[in-house]
Amino acid sequence: MRTDLEWQGPKLSWDHFRILLTVRGETRKNFYYDMCIKYKWSKEELKQKIKDMYYEDIIYPK
């Protein structure tokens, strides 16, 4: 997951990383990782976005 950014140090909590470990696919994980940082999602927001399939809604709009 985003090894190119590791040198900057973690920008998310351990709880965020634990949640991200449940996400399948590197592209999807990186999407949620970037969105967490950009929009300062809490761990609860991240869980909800994953549950609501936010990635799929953005990538494959109806």
PDB file of N, CA and C in Angstrom:
ATOM      1  N   MET A   1       0.835  -1.177   0.000  1.00  0.00           N
ATOM      2  CA  MET A   1       0.000   0.000   0.000  1.00  0.00           C
ATOM      3  C   MET A   1       0.885   1.247   0.000  1.00  0.00           C
ATOM      4  N   ARG A   2       0.844   2.037  -0.995  1.00  0.00           N
ATOM      5  CA  ARG A   2       1.511   3.334  -1.151  1.00  0.00           C
ATOM      6  C   ARG A   2       2.935   3.347  -0.600  1.00  0.00           C
ATOM      7  N   THR A   3       3.755   2.432  -1.018  1.00  0.00           N
ATOM      8  CA  THR A   3       5.135   2.390  -0.535  1.00  0.00           C
ATOM      9  C   THR A   3       5.915   3.628  -0.932  1.00  0.00           C
ATOM     10  N   ASP A   4       5.479   4.319  -1.995  1.00  0.00           N
ATOM     11  CA  ASP A   4       6.169   5.532  -2.422  1.00  0.00           C
ATOM     12  C   ASP A   4       5.988   6.676  -1.419  1.00  0.00           C
ATOM     13  N   LEU A   5       5.041   6.559  -0.504  1.00  0.00           N
ATOM     14  CA  LEU A   5       4.785   7.623   0.458  1.00  0.00           C
ATOM     15  C   LEU A   5       5.278   7.288   1.860  1.00  0.00           C
ATOM     16  N   GLU A   6       5.777   6.092   2.065  1.00  0.00           N
ATOM     17  CA  GLU A   6       6.155   5.666   3.405  1.00  0.00           C
ATOM     18  C   GLU A   6       7.227   6.553   4.026  1.00  0.00           C
ATOM     19  N   TRP A   7       8.134   7.060   3.242  1.00  0.00           N
ATOM     20  CA  TRP A   7       9.229   7.863   3.784  1.00  0.00           C
ATOM     21  C   TRP A   7       8.734   9.130   4.468  1.00  0.00           C
ATOM     22  N   GLN A   8       7.544   9.579   4.141  1.00  0.00           N
ATOM     23  CA  GLN A   8       6.988  10.787   4.744  1.00  0.00           C
ATOM     24  C   GLN A   8       6.429  10.513   6.137  1.00  0.00           C
ATOM     25  N   GLY A   9       6.352   9.270   6.498  1.00  0.00           N
ATOM     26  CA  GLY A   9       5.788   8.899   7.778  1.00  0.00           C
ATOM     27  C   GLY A   9       4.290   8.684   7.638  1.00  0.00           C
ATOM     28  N   PRO A  10       3.723   7.970   8.582  1.00  0.00           N
ATOM     29  CA  PRO A  10       2.294   7.672   8.504  1.00  0.00           C
ATOM     30  C   PRO A  10       1.451   8.932   8.674  1.00  0.00           C
ATOM     31  N   LYS A  11       0.443   9.058   7.850  1.00  0.00           N
ATOM     32  CA  LYS A  11      -0.457  10.202   7.934  1.00  0.00           C
ATOM     33  C   LYS A  11      -1.806   9.781   8.490  1.00  0.00           C
ATOM     34  N   LEU A  12      -1.959   8.480   8.734  1.00  0.00           N
ATOM     35  CA  LEU A  12      -3.205   7.941   9.259  1.00  0.00           C
ATOM     36  C   LEU A  12      -2.929   7.184  10.543  1.00  0.00           C
ATOM     37  N   SER A  13      -3.983   6.970  11.309  1.00  0.00           N
ATOM     38  CA  SER A  13      -3.837   6.213  12.557  1.00  0.00           C
ATOM     39  C   SER A  13      -3.721   4.723  12.261  1.00  0.00           C
ATOM     40  N   TRP A  14      -3.292   3.986  13.277  1.00  0.00           N
ATOM     41  CA  TRP A  14      -3.230   2.529  13.128  1.00  0.00           C
ATOM     42  C   TRP A  14      -4.608   1.969  12.835  1.00  0.00           C
ATOM     43  N   ASP A  15      -5.631   2.563  13.416  1.00  0.00           N
ATOM     44  CA  ASP A  15      -6.996   2.096  13.160  1.00  0.00           C
ATOM     45  C   ASP A  15      -7.352   2.231  11.683  1.00  0.00           C
ATOM     46  N   HIS A  16      -6.951   3.328  11.068  1.00  0.00           N
ATOM     47  CA  HIS A  16      -7.183   3.507   9.631  1.00  0.00           C
ATOM     48  C   HIS A  16      -6.500   2.387   8.840  1.00  0.00           C
ATOM     49  N   PHE A  17      -5.243   2.100   9.195  1.00  0.00           N
ATOM     50  CA  PHE A  17      -4.504   1.067   8.475  1.00  0.00           C
ATOM     51  C   PHE A  17      -5.129  -0.307   8.673  1.00  0.00           C
ATOM     52  N   ARG A  18      -5.606  -0.573   9.874  1.00  0.00           N
ATOM     53  CA  ARG A  18      -6.271  -1.861  10.121  1.00  0.00           C
ATOM     54  C   ARG A  18      -7.520  -1.996   9.255  1.00  0.00           C
ATOM     55  N   ILE A  19      -8.269  -0.923   9.112  1.00  0.00           N
ATOM     56  CA  ILE A  19      -9.466  -0.938   8.268  1.00  0.00           C
ATOM     57  C   ILE A  19      -9.065  -1.120   6.808  1.00  0.00           C
ATOM     58  N   LEU A  20      -8.037  -0.409   6.373  1.00  0.00           N
ATOM     59  CA  LEU A  20      -7.595  -0.509   4.982  1.00  0.00           C
ATOM     60  C   LEU A  20      -7.101  -1.911   4.629  1.00  0.00           C
ATOM     61  N   LEU A  21      -6.604  -2.650   5.611  1.00  0.00           N
ATOM     62  CA  LEU A  21      -6.149  -4.017   5.353  1.00  0.00           C
ATOM     63  C   LEU A  21      -7.301  -4.929   4.935  1.00  0.00           C
ATOM     64  N   THR A  22      -8.531  -4.543   5.250  1.00  0.00           N
ATOM     65  CA  THR A  22      -9.694  -5.362   4.888  1.00  0.00           C
ATOM     66  C   THR A  22     -10.157  -5.105   3.453  1.00  0.00           C
ATOM     67  N   VAL A  23      -9.629  -4.069   2.823  1.00  0.00           N
ATOM     68  CA  VAL A  23     -10.043  -3.695   1.464  1.00  0.00           C
ATOM     69  C   VAL A  23      -9.281  -4.538   0.455  1.00  0.00           C
ATOM     70  N   ARG A  24     -10.001  -5.121  -0.489  1.00  0.00           N
ATOM     71  CA  ARG A  24      -9.373  -5.946  -1.530  1.00  0.00           C
ATOM     72  C   ARG A  24      -8.895  -5.077  -2.683  1.00  0.00           C
ATOM     73  N   GLY A  25      -7.705  -5.378  -3.173  1.00  0.00           N
ATOM     74  CA  GLY A  25      -7.166  -4.684  -4.334  1.00  0.00           C
ATOM     75  C   GLY A  25      -6.343  -3.460  -3.968  1.00  0.00           C
ATOM     76  N   GLU A  26      -5.148  -3.410  -4.517  1.00  0.00           N
ATOM     77  CA  GLU A  26      -4.241  -2.295  -4.224  1.00  0.00           C
ATOM     78  C   GLU A  26      -4.779  -0.951  -4.715  1.00  0.00           C
ATOM     79  N   THR A  27      -5.400  -0.942  -5.884  1.00  0.00           N
ATOM     80  CA  THR A  27      -5.937   0.313  -6.418  1.00  0.00           C
ATOM     81  C   THR A  27      -7.017   0.864  -5.493  1.00  0.00           C
ATOM     82  N   ARG A  28      -7.879  -0.011  -5.040  1.00  0.00           N
ATOM     83  CA  ARG A  28      -8.961   0.395  -4.132  1.00  0.00           C
ATOM     84  C   ARG A  28      -8.382   0.869  -2.794  1.00  0.00           C
ATOM     85  N   LYS A  29      -7.414   0.137  -2.257  1.00  0.00           N
ATOM     86  CA  LYS A  29      -6.773   0.546  -0.997  1.00  0.00           C
ATOM     87  C   LYS A  29      -6.137   1.917  -1.135  1.00  0.00           C
ATOM     88  N   ASN A  30      -5.407   2.118  -2.223  1.00  0.00           N
ATOM     89  CA  ASN A  30      -4.746   3.402  -2.442  1.00  0.00           C
ATOM     90  C   ASN A  30      -5.759   4.535  -2.583  1.00  0.00           C
ATOM     91  N   PHE A  31      -6.886   4.258  -3.228  1.00  0.00           N
ATOM     92  CA  PHE A  31      -7.951   5.254  -3.359  1.00  0.00           C
ATOM     93  C   PHE A  31      -8.435   5.686  -1.976  1.00  0.00           C
ATOM     94  N   TYR A  32      -8.782   4.717  -1.133  1.00  0.00           N
ATOM     95  CA  TYR A  32      -9.282   5.044   0.206  1.00  0.00           C
ATOM     96  C   TYR A  32      -8.203   5.714   1.057  1.00  0.00           C
ATOM     97  N   TYR A  33      -6.970   5.270   0.915  1.00  0.00           N
ATOM     98  CA  TYR A  33      -5.855   5.891   1.633  1.00  0.00           C
ATOM     99  C   TYR A  33      -5.748   7.372   1.265  1.00  0.00           C
ATOM    100  N   ASP A  34      -5.729   7.644  -0.037  1.00  0.00           N
ATOM    101  CA  ASP A  34      -5.617   9.029  -0.507  1.00  0.00           C
ATOM    102  C   ASP A  34      -6.804   9.883  -0.073  1.00  0.00           C
ATOM    103  N   MET A  35      -7.998   9.310  -0.131  1.00  0.00           N
ATOM    104  CA  MET A  35      -9.202  10.056   0.256  1.00  0.00           C
ATOM    105  C   MET A  35      -9.196  10.362   1.755  1.00  0.00           C
ATOM    106  N   CYS A  36      -8.726   9.425   2.559  1.00  0.00           N
ATOM    107  CA  CYS A  36      -8.624   9.658   4.004  1.00  0.00           C
ATOM    108  C   CYS A  36      -7.732  10.850   4.308  1.00  0.00           C
ATOM    109  N   ILE A  37      -6.624  10.918   3.621  1.00  0.00           N
ATOM    110  CA  ILE A  37      -5.687  12.015   3.848  1.00  0.00           C
ATOM    111  C   ILE A  37      -6.253  13.328   3.313  1.00  0.00           C
ATOM    112  N   LYS A  38      -6.751  13.296   2.089  1.00  0.00           N
ATOM    113  CA  LYS A  38      -7.246  14.520   1.457  1.00  0.00           C
ATOM    114  C   LYS A  38      -8.424  15.135   2.209  1.00  0.00           C
ATOM    115  N   TYR A  39      -9.370  14.278   2.627  1.00  0.00           N
ATOM    116  CA  TYR A  39     -10.591  14.781   3.263  1.00  0.00           C
ATOM    117  C   TYR A  39     -10.629  14.581   4.771  1.00  0.00           C
ATOM    118  N   LYS A  40      -9.505  14.088   5.327  1.00  0.00           N
ATOM    119  CA  LYS A  40      -9.378  13.909   6.779  1.00  0.00           C
ATOM    120  C   LYS A  40     -10.526  13.080   7.358  1.00  0.00           C
ATOM    121  N   TRP A  41     -10.788  11.942   6.702  1.00  0.00           N
ATOM    122  CA  TRP A  41     -11.840  11.052   7.171  1.00  0.00           C
ATOM    123  C   TRP A  41     -11.458  10.432   8.507  1.00  0.00           C
ATOM    124  N   SER A  42     -12.424  10.347   9.386  1.00  0.00           N
ATOM    125  CA  SER A  42     -12.238   9.607  10.631  1.00  0.00           C
ATOM    126  C   SER A  42     -12.306   8.117  10.306  1.00  0.00           C
ATOM    127  N   LYS A  43     -11.960   7.289  11.269  1.00  0.00           N
ATOM    128  CA  LYS A  43     -12.040   5.850  11.012  1.00  0.00           C
ATOM    129  C   LYS A  43     -13.491   5.422  10.790  1.00  0.00           C
ATOM    130  N   GLU A  44     -14.432   6.083  11.462  1.00  0.00           N
ATOM    131  CA  GLU A  44     -15.847   5.774  11.260  1.00  0.00           C
ATOM    132  C   GLU A  44     -16.304   6.151   9.849  1.00  0.00           C
ATOM    133  N   GLU A  45     -15.834   7.304   9.378  1.00  0.00           N
ATOM    134  CA  GLU A  45     -16.166   7.717   8.009  1.00  0.00           C
ATOM    135  C   GLU A  45     -15.589   6.737   6.993  1.00  0.00           C
ATOM    136  N   LEU A  46     -14.360   6.311   7.216  1.00  0.00           N
ATOM    137  CA  LEU A  46     -13.728   5.352   6.311  1.00  0.00           C
ATOM    138  C   LEU A  46     -14.524   4.054   6.271  1.00  0.00           C
ATOM    139  N   LYS A  47     -14.890   3.533   7.432  1.00  0.00           N
ATOM    140  CA  LYS A  47     -15.688   2.304   7.478  1.00  0.00           C
ATOM    141  C   LYS A  47     -16.981   2.461   6.690  1.00  0.00           C
ATOM    142  N   GLN A  48     -17.645   3.591   6.881  1.00  0.00           N
ATOM    143  CA  GLN A  48     -18.921   3.827   6.199  1.00  0.00           C
ATOM    144  C   GLN A  48     -18.729   3.940   4.686  1.00  0.00           C
ATOM    145  N   LYS A  49     -17.691   4.632   4.263  1.00  0.00           N
ATOM    146  CA  LYS A  49     -17.428   4.785   2.822  1.00  0.00           C
ATOM    147  C   LYS A  49     -17.153   3.424   2.180  1.00  0.00           C
ATOM    148  N   ILE A  50     -16.414   2.573   2.876  1.00  0.00           N
ATOM    149  CA  ILE A  50     -16.139   1.233   2.351  1.00  0.00           C
ATOM    150  C   ILE A  50     -17.441   0.434   2.287  1.00  0.00           C
ATOM    151  N   LYS A  51     -18.217   0.500   3.357  1.00  0.00           N
ATOM    152  CA  LYS A  51     -19.499  -0.224   3.405  1.00  0.00           C
ATOM    153  C   LYS A  51     -20.435   0.243   2.293  1.00  0.00           C
ATOM    154  N   ASP A  52     -20.455   1.542   2.040  1.00  0.00           N
ATOM    155  CA  ASP A  52     -21.329   2.120   1.010  1.00  0.00           C
ATOM    156  C   ASP A  52     -20.767   1.982  -0.401  1.00  0.00           C
ATOM    157  N   MET A  53     -19.576   1.358  -0.511  1.00  0.00           N
ATOM    158  CA  MET A  53     -18.919   1.143  -1.806  1.00  0.00           C
ATOM    159  C   MET A  53     -18.671   2.469  -2.531  1.00  0.00           C
ATOM    160  N   TYR A  54     -18.136   3.439  -1.810  1.00  0.00           N
ATOM    161  CA  TYR A  54     -17.854   4.770  -2.342  1.00  0.00           C
ATOM    162  C   TYR A  54     -16.935   4.706  -3.558  1.00  0.00           C
ATOM    163  N   TYR A  55     -15.928   3.848  -3.503  1.00  0.00           N
ATOM    164  CA  TYR A  55     -14.984   3.694  -4.620  1.00  0.00           C
ATOM    165  C   TYR A  55     -15.736   3.342  -5.905  1.00  0.00           C
ATOM    166  N   GLU A  56     -16.611   2.363  -5.810  1.00  0.00           N
ATOM    167  CA  GLU A  56     -17.361   1.927  -6.983  1.00  0.00           C
ATOM    168  C   GLU A  56     -18.280   3.038  -7.505  1.00  0.00           C
ATOM    169  N   ASP A  57     -18.861   3.815  -6.599  1.00  0.00           N
ATOM    170  CA  ASP A  57     -19.728   4.922  -7.014  1.00  0.00           C
ATOM    171  C   ASP A  57     -18.950   5.992  -7.780  1.00  0.00           C
ATOM    172  N   ILE A  58     -17.706   6.226  -7.377  1.00  0.00           N
ATOM    173  CA  ILE A  58     -16.886   7.249  -8.029  1.00  0.00           C
ATOM    174  C   ILE A  58     -16.329   6.733  -9.357  1.00  0.00           C
ATOM    175  N   ILE A  59     -15.827   5.511  -9.360  1.00  0.00           N
ATOM    176  CA  ILE A  59     -15.188   4.947 -10.535  1.00  0.00           C
ATOM    177  C   ILE A  59     -16.216   4.513 -11.596  1.00  0.00           C
ATOM    178  N   TYR A  60     -17.334   3.974 -11.122  1.00  0.00           N
ATOM    179  CA  TYR A  60     -18.373   3.481 -12.037  1.00  0.00           C
ATOM    180  C   TYR A  60     -19.709   4.163 -11.751  1.00  0.00           C
ATOM    181  N   PRO A  61     -19.821   5.463 -12.044  1.00  0.00           N
ATOM    182  CA  PRO A  61     -21.079   6.162 -11.752  1.00  0.00           C
ATOM    183  C   PRO A  61     -22.235   5.583 -12.565  1.00  0.00           C
ATOM    184  N   LYS A  62     -23.407   5.697 -11.987  1.00  0.00           N
ATOM    185  CA  LYS A  62     -24.613   5.150 -12.659  1.00  0.00           C
ATOM    186  C   LYS A  62     -25.152   6.089 -13.695  1.00  0.00           C
TER     187      LYS A  62
END
